[in-house]
Amino acid sequence: MITFAASGFGVLSTLCFIISFQVKSNKKLYLTQSAANVFYGTQFYLLGATGGLFNMGMQIVRNLLLCKMGDWKWLNHPAMAPVLCLPSLIYMIACWSGPLDLLPFIAMTAGTFGYWTNDARKLRMAELIFVSPAWLMYDLFQGAYGGVLNEAVILGSVAFSIIRFGWAGLAELNENAGGLKECQA
């Protein structure tokens, strides 16, 4: 019964991620994805997957800070991405129970560095190569089947965006839209 309820939260997370892909402003994207991370984290909590739960919390913090990059100039410092990844590293080391613990850390770290590049191509490559595959494997091993669905949707969406905009077109998105650091209301 717990696995079924956890999967329900994973599906709610997927719905939020689908909605986030349809919003026009980065601020709304980050906020919608933070809501998705709450559902995703609840799924991990119900399954006892504390590494996933902790890293979902860190992703929420990251997304909320991304919303303030235009207002808080100190967030633009090159050290911010590593600083945001440090709690995940400490948690992974302190709570180490095996190689599976690497996957949430990889996903959180690659995603954070991807978002902080201010480059649509690098963000999509981080998502395609590291973030979603790491979460997908973690979800499979934890029995988080709603999360598996979520990552499949994200991988498909990233691939679709690359096809839709083209590799060169993604560079133009950065130039025309001010990159990922622009958080419009």
C-alpha atoms as a PDB file:
ATOM      1  CA  MET A   1       0.000   0.000   0.000  1.00  0.00           C
ATOM      2  CA  ILE A   2       2.872   2.379   0.823  1.00  0.00           C
ATOM      3  CA  THR A   3       4.475   1.764  -2.575  1.00  0.00           C
ATOM      4  CA  PHE A   4       1.170   2.557  -4.283  1.00  0.00           C
ATOM      5  CA  ALA A   5       0.774   5.825  -2.320  1.00  0.00           C
ATOM      6  CA  ALA A   6       4.414   6.727  -2.996  1.00  0.00           C
ATOM      7  CA  SER A   7       3.898   6.156  -6.705  1.00  0.00           C
ATOM      8  CA  GLY A   8       0.876   8.471  -6.550  1.00  0.00           C
ATOM      9  CA  PHE A   9       3.113  11.262  -5.258  1.00  0.00           C
ATOM     10  CA  GLY A  10       5.555  10.444  -8.065  1.00  0.00           C
ATOM     11  CA  VAL A  11       2.751  10.874 -10.601  1.00  0.00           C
ATOM     12  CA  LEU A  12       1.780  14.218  -9.004  1.00  0.00           C
ATOM     13  CA  SER A  13       5.411  15.243  -9.356  1.00  0.00           C
ATOM     14  CA  THR A  14       5.318  14.287 -13.037  1.00  0.00           C
ATOM     15  CA  LEU A  15       2.210  16.405 -13.584  1.00  0.00           C
ATOM     16  CA  CYS A  16       3.947  19.400 -11.989  1.00  0.00           C
ATOM     17  CA  PHE A  17       6.999  18.892 -14.185  1.00  0.00           C
ATOM     18  CA  ILE A  18       4.796  18.736 -17.292  1.00  0.00           C
ATOM     19  CA  ILE A  19       3.154  22.005 -16.220  1.00  0.00           C
ATOM     20  CA  SER A  20       6.573  23.555 -15.555  1.00  0.00           C
ATOM     21  CA  PHE A  21       7.623  22.904 -19.155  1.00  0.00           C
ATOM     22  CA  GLN A  22       4.669  25.010 -20.332  1.00  0.00           C
ATOM     23  CA  VAL A  23       5.262  28.203 -18.330  1.00  0.00           C
ATOM     24  CA  LYS A  24       6.964  31.184 -19.924  1.00  0.00           C
ATOM     25  CA  SER A  25       9.006  32.637 -17.077  1.00  0.00           C
ATOM     26  CA  ASN A  26      11.938  30.963 -15.397  1.00  0.00           C
ATOM     27  CA  LYS A  27      10.663  32.050 -11.987  1.00  0.00           C
ATOM     28  CA  LYS A  28       7.404  30.158 -12.531  1.00  0.00           C
ATOM     29  CA  LEU A  29       9.372  27.198 -13.874  1.00  0.00           C
ATOM     30  CA  TYR A  30      11.558  27.077 -10.753  1.00  0.00           C
ATOM     31  CA  LEU A  31       8.553  27.450  -8.439  1.00  0.00           C
ATOM     32  CA  THR A  32       6.539  24.773 -10.257  1.00  0.00           C
ATOM     33  CA  GLN A  33       9.510  22.426 -10.232  1.00  0.00           C
ATOM     34  CA  SER A  34       9.935  23.097  -6.503  1.00  0.00           C
ATOM     35  CA  ALA A  35       6.323  21.972  -5.986  1.00  0.00           C
ATOM     36  CA  ALA A  36       7.145  18.879  -8.061  1.00  0.00           C
ATOM     37  CA  ASN A  37      10.157  18.251  -5.820  1.00  0.00           C
ATOM     38  CA  VAL A  38       7.899  18.365  -2.738  1.00  0.00           C
ATOM     39  CA  PHE A  39       5.808  15.538  -4.230  1.00  0.00           C
ATOM     40  CA  TYR A  40       8.925  13.686  -5.379  1.00  0.00           C
ATOM     41  CA  GLY A  41      10.437  14.067  -1.886  1.00  0.00           C
ATOM     42  CA  THR A  42       7.214  12.804  -0.272  1.00  0.00           C
ATOM     43  CA  GLN A  43       7.497   9.725  -2.457  1.00  0.00           C
ATOM     44  CA  PHE A  44      11.038   9.125  -1.198  1.00  0.00           C
ATOM     45  CA  TYR A  45       9.954   9.722   2.411  1.00  0.00           C
ATOM     46  CA  LEU A  46       7.217   7.083   2.117  1.00  0.00           C
ATOM     47  CA  LEU A  47       9.710   4.620   0.644  1.00  0.00           C
ATOM     48  CA  GLY A  48      12.359   5.363   3.296  1.00  0.00           C
ATOM     49  CA  ALA A  49      14.751   6.638   0.617  1.00  0.00           C
ATOM     50  CA  THR A  50      16.409   9.342   2.716  1.00  0.00           C
ATOM     51  CA  GLY A  51      19.148  10.167   0.198  1.00  0.00           C
ATOM     52  CA  GLY A  52      16.524  11.031  -2.396  1.00  0.00           C
ATOM     53  CA  LEU A  53      14.490  12.979   0.165  1.00  0.00           C
ATOM     54  CA  PHE A  54      17.482  15.058   1.280  1.00  0.00           C
ATOM     55  CA  ASN A  55      18.497  15.876  -2.286  1.00  0.00           C
ATOM     56  CA  MET A  56      14.941  16.866  -3.228  1.00  0.00           C
ATOM     57  CA  GLY A  57      15.125  19.356  -0.361  1.00  0.00           C
ATOM     58  CA  MET A  58      18.413  20.669  -1.719  1.00  0.00           C
ATOM     59  CA  GLN A  59      16.887  21.030  -5.191  1.00  0.00           C
ATOM     60  CA  ILE A  60      14.050  23.087  -3.709  1.00  0.00           C
ATOM     61  CA  VAL A  61      16.595  25.385  -2.033  1.00  0.00           C
ATOM     62  CA  ARG A  62      18.520  25.623  -5.319  1.00  0.00           C
ATOM     63  CA  ASN A  63      15.401  26.476  -7.335  1.00  0.00           C
ATOM     64  CA  LEU A  64      14.302  29.149  -4.877  1.00  0.00           C
ATOM     65  CA  LEU A  65      17.770  30.712  -4.962  1.00  0.00           C
ATOM     66  CA  LEU A  66      17.697  30.662  -8.770  1.00  0.00           C
ATOM     67  CA  CYS A  67      14.574  32.828  -8.565  1.00  0.00           C
ATOM     68  CA  LYS A  68      16.584  35.478  -6.726  1.00  0.00           C
ATOM     69  CA  MET A  69      19.694  35.538  -8.937  1.00  0.00           C
ATOM     70  CA  GLY A  70      18.659  38.804 -10.539  1.00  0.00           C
ATOM     71  CA  ASP A  71      18.050  40.439  -7.138  1.00  0.00           C
ATOM     72  CA  TRP A  72      20.855  38.961  -5.060  1.00  0.00           C
ATOM     73  CA  LYS A  73      24.102  39.515  -6.971  1.00  0.00           C
ATOM     74  CA  TRP A  74      26.112  37.320  -4.597  1.00  0.00           C
ATOM     75  CA  LEU A  75      24.279  34.304  -6.080  1.00  0.00           C
ATOM     76  CA  ASN A  76      26.138  34.934  -9.340  1.00  0.00           C
ATOM     77  CA  HIS A  77      29.482  34.172  -7.693  1.00  0.00           C
ATOM     78  CA  PRO A  78      31.201  31.173  -9.366  1.00  0.00           C
ATOM     79  CA  ALA A  79      31.508  29.424  -5.987  1.00  0.00           C
ATOM     80  CA  MET A  80      27.738  29.241  -5.480  1.00  0.00           C
ATOM     81  CA  ALA A  81      27.168  25.985  -7.385  1.00  0.00           C
ATOM     82  CA  PRO A  82      29.867  24.090  -5.434  1.00  0.00           C
ATOM     83  CA  VAL A  83      28.629  25.614  -2.162  1.00  0.00           C
ATOM     84  CA  LEU A  84      25.085  24.397  -2.886  1.00  0.00           C
ATOM     85  CA  CYS A  85      26.395  20.902  -3.629  1.00  0.00           C
ATOM     86  CA  LEU A  86      28.457  20.666  -0.430  1.00  0.00           C
ATOM     87  CA  PRO A  87      25.530  19.681   1.867  1.00  0.00           C
ATOM     88  CA  SER A  88      24.666  16.827  -0.507  1.00  0.00           C
ATOM     89  CA  LEU A  89      28.258  15.606  -0.419  1.00  0.00           C
ATOM     90  CA  ILE A  90      28.382  15.791   3.389  1.00  0.00           C
ATOM     91  CA  TYR A  91      25.042  13.996   3.681  1.00  0.00           C
ATOM     92  CA  MET A  92      26.149  11.252   1.291  1.00  0.00           C
ATOM     93  CA  ILE A  93      29.390  10.667   3.212  1.00  0.00           C
ATOM     94  CA  ALA A  94      27.743  10.820   6.651  1.00  0.00           C
ATOM     95  CA  CYS A  95      24.897   8.459   5.725  1.00  0.00           C
ATOM     96  CA  TRP A  96      26.757   6.158   3.345  1.00  0.00           C
ATOM     97  CA  SER A  97      25.068   2.802   2.994  1.00  0.00           C
ATOM     98  CA  GLY A  98      26.401   1.790  -0.420  1.00  0.00           C
ATOM     99  CA  PRO A  99      26.920   2.797  -4.047  1.00  0.00           C
ATOM    100  CA  LEU A 100      23.212   3.610  -4.519  1.00  0.00           C
ATOM    101  CA  ASP A 101      23.849   6.717  -2.395  1.00  0.00           C
ATOM    102  CA  LEU A 102      25.952   8.154  -5.221  1.00  0.00           C
ATOM    103  CA  LEU A 103      22.963   8.539  -7.555  1.00  0.00           C
ATOM    104  CA  PRO A 104      21.043  11.348  -5.756  1.00  0.00           C
ATOM    105  CA  PHE A 105      24.344  13.162  -5.201  1.00  0.00           C
ATOM    106  CA  ILE A 106      25.234  12.905  -8.900  1.00  0.00           C
ATOM    107  CA  ALA A 107      21.769  14.112  -9.916  1.00  0.00           C
ATOM    108  CA  MET A 108      21.788  17.059  -7.513  1.00  0.00           C
ATOM    109  CA  THR A 109      25.350  18.096  -8.366  1.00  0.00           C
ATOM    110  CA  ALA A 110      25.030  17.819 -12.150  1.00  0.00           C
ATOM    111  CA  GLY A 111      21.678  19.632 -12.076  1.00  0.00           C
ATOM    112  CA  THR A 112      23.030  22.447  -9.932  1.00  0.00           C
ATOM    113  CA  PHE A 113      26.072  22.977 -12.136  1.00  0.00           C
ATOM    114  CA  GLY A 114      23.859  22.752 -15.215  1.00  0.00           C
ATOM    115  CA  TYR A 115      21.447  25.411 -13.950  1.00  0.00           C
ATOM    116  CA  TRP A 116      24.276  27.703 -12.857  1.00  0.00           C
ATOM    117  CA  THR A 117      25.938  27.722 -16.300  1.00  0.00           C
ATOM    118  CA  ASN A 118      23.287  30.048 -17.742  1.00  0.00           C
ATOM    119  CA  ASP A 119      23.486  27.950 -20.907  1.00  0.00           C
ATOM    120  CA  ALA A 120      20.437  26.104 -22.266  1.00  0.00           C
ATOM    121  CA  ARG A 121      22.619  23.567 -24.084  1.00  0.00           C
ATOM    122  CA  LYS A 122      24.742  22.698 -21.048  1.00  0.00           C
ATOM    123  CA  LEU A 123      21.659  22.428 -18.851  1.00  0.00           C
ATOM    124  CA  ARG A 124      19.972  20.041 -21.293  1.00  0.00           C
ATOM    125  CA  MET A 125      23.126  17.945 -21.641  1.00  0.00           C
ATOM    126  CA  ALA A 126      23.507  17.733 -17.848  1.00  0.00           C
ATOM    127  CA  GLU A 127      19.868  16.623 -17.611  1.00  0.00           C
ATOM    128  CA  LEU A 128      20.177  14.131 -20.466  1.00  0.00           C
ATOM    129  CA  ILE A 129      23.509  12.559 -19.478  1.00  0.00           C
ATOM    130  CA  PHE A 130      23.589  12.784 -15.668  1.00  0.00           C
ATOM    131  CA  VAL A 131      20.520  14.111 -13.855  1.00  0.00           C
ATOM    132  CA  SER A 132      17.626  12.087 -15.246  1.00  0.00           C
ATOM    133  CA  PRO A 133      19.605   8.847 -15.731  1.00  0.00           C
ATOM    134  CA  ALA A 134      20.842   9.027 -12.111  1.00  0.00           C
ATOM    135  CA  TRP A 135      17.342   9.689 -10.745  1.00  0.00           C
ATOM    136  CA  LEU A 136      15.881   7.017 -13.027  1.00  0.00           C
ATOM    137  CA  MET A 137      18.261   4.353 -11.701  1.00  0.00           C
ATOM    138  CA  TYR A 138      17.733   5.488  -8.108  1.00  0.00           C
ATOM    139  CA  ASP A 139      13.956   5.386  -8.591  1.00  0.00           C
ATOM    140  CA  LEU A 140      14.125   1.866 -10.027  1.00  0.00           C
ATOM    141  CA  PHE A 141      16.206   0.558  -7.124  1.00  0.00           C
ATOM    142  CA  GLN A 142      13.967   2.295  -4.551  1.00  0.00           C
ATOM    143  CA  GLY A 143      10.719   1.103  -6.137  1.00  0.00           C
ATOM    144  CA  ALA A 144       9.716   4.724  -6.874  1.00  0.00           C
ATOM    145  CA  TYR A 145       7.765   3.936 -10.022  1.00  0.00           C
ATOM    146  CA  GLY A 146       6.124   7.362 -10.209  1.00  0.00           C
ATOM    147  CA  GLY A 147       9.667   8.755 -10.262  1.00  0.00           C
ATOM    148  CA  VAL A 148      10.578   6.420 -13.120  1.00  0.00           C
ATOM    149  CA  LEU A 149       7.639   7.868 -15.070  1.00  0.00           C
ATOM    150  CA  ASN A 150       8.763  11.370 -14.114  1.00  0.00           C
ATOM    151  CA  GLU A 151      12.306  10.872 -15.403  1.00  0.00           C
ATOM    152  CA  ALA A 152      11.068   9.244 -18.608  1.00  0.00           C
ATOM    153  CA  VAL A 153       8.893  12.322 -19.243  1.00  0.00           C
ATOM    154  CA  ILE A 154      11.810  14.653 -18.498  1.00  0.00           C
ATOM    155  CA  LEU A 155      14.172  12.733 -20.800  1.00  0.00           C
ATOM    156  CA  GLY A 156      11.582  12.842 -23.552  1.00  0.00           C
ATOM    157  CA  SER A 157      10.992  16.547 -23.019  1.00  0.00           C
ATOM    158  CA  VAL A 158      14.706  17.359 -23.120  1.00  0.00           C
ATOM    159  CA  ALA A 159      15.166  15.322 -26.287  1.00  0.00           C
ATOM    160  CA  PHE A 160      12.105  16.993 -27.824  1.00  0.00           C
ATOM    161  CA  SER A 161      13.431  20.470 -26.968  1.00  0.00           C
ATOM    162  CA  ILE A 162      16.758  19.677 -28.646  1.00  0.00           C
ATOM    163  CA  ILE A 163      14.930  18.448 -31.749  1.00  0.00           C
ATOM    164  CA  ARG A 164      12.456  21.342 -31.666  1.00  0.00           C
ATOM    165  CA  PHE A 165      14.965  24.170 -31.232  1.00  0.00           C
ATOM    166  CA  GLY A 166      18.056  22.510 -32.729  1.00  0.00           C
ATOM    167  CA  TRP A 167      21.458  22.654 -31.093  1.00  0.00           C
ATOM    168  CA  ALA A 168      22.253  26.100 -32.531  1.00  0.00           C
ATOM    169  CA  GLY A 169      18.750  27.311 -31.673  1.00  0.00           C
ATOM    170  CA  LEU A 170      19.355  26.544 -28.002  1.00  0.00           C
ATOM    171  CA  ALA A 171      22.304  28.946 -28.043  1.00  0.00           C
ATOM    172  CA  GLU A 172      20.003  31.583 -29.546  1.00  0.00           C
ATOM    173  CA  LEU A 173      17.511  31.007 -26.715  1.00  0.00           C
ATOM    174  CA  ASN A 174      20.233  32.044 -24.276  1.00  0.00           C
ATOM    175  CA  GLU A 175      21.065  35.165 -26.252  1.00  0.00           C
ATOM    176  CA  ASN A 176      17.464  36.214 -26.905  1.00  0.00           C
ATOM    177  CA  ALA A 177      15.991  35.385 -23.505  1.00  0.00           C
ATOM    178  CA  GLY A 178      18.900  36.399 -21.316  1.00  0.00           C
ATOM    179  CA  GLY A 179      19.651  32.794 -20.376  1.00  0.00           C
ATOM    180  CA  LEU A 180      18.424  30.873 -17.387  1.00  0.00           C
ATOM    181  CA  LYS A 181      19.328  33.564 -14.882  1.00  0.00           C
ATOM    182  CA  GLU A 182      16.524  35.828 -16.073  1.00  0.00           C
ATOM    183  CA  CYS A 183      13.669  35.364 -13.634  1.00  0.00           C
ATOM    184  CA  GLN A 184      10.691  37.251 -14.928  1.00  0.00           C
ATOM    185  CA  ALA A 185       7.466  37.488 -12.939  1.00  0.00           C
END
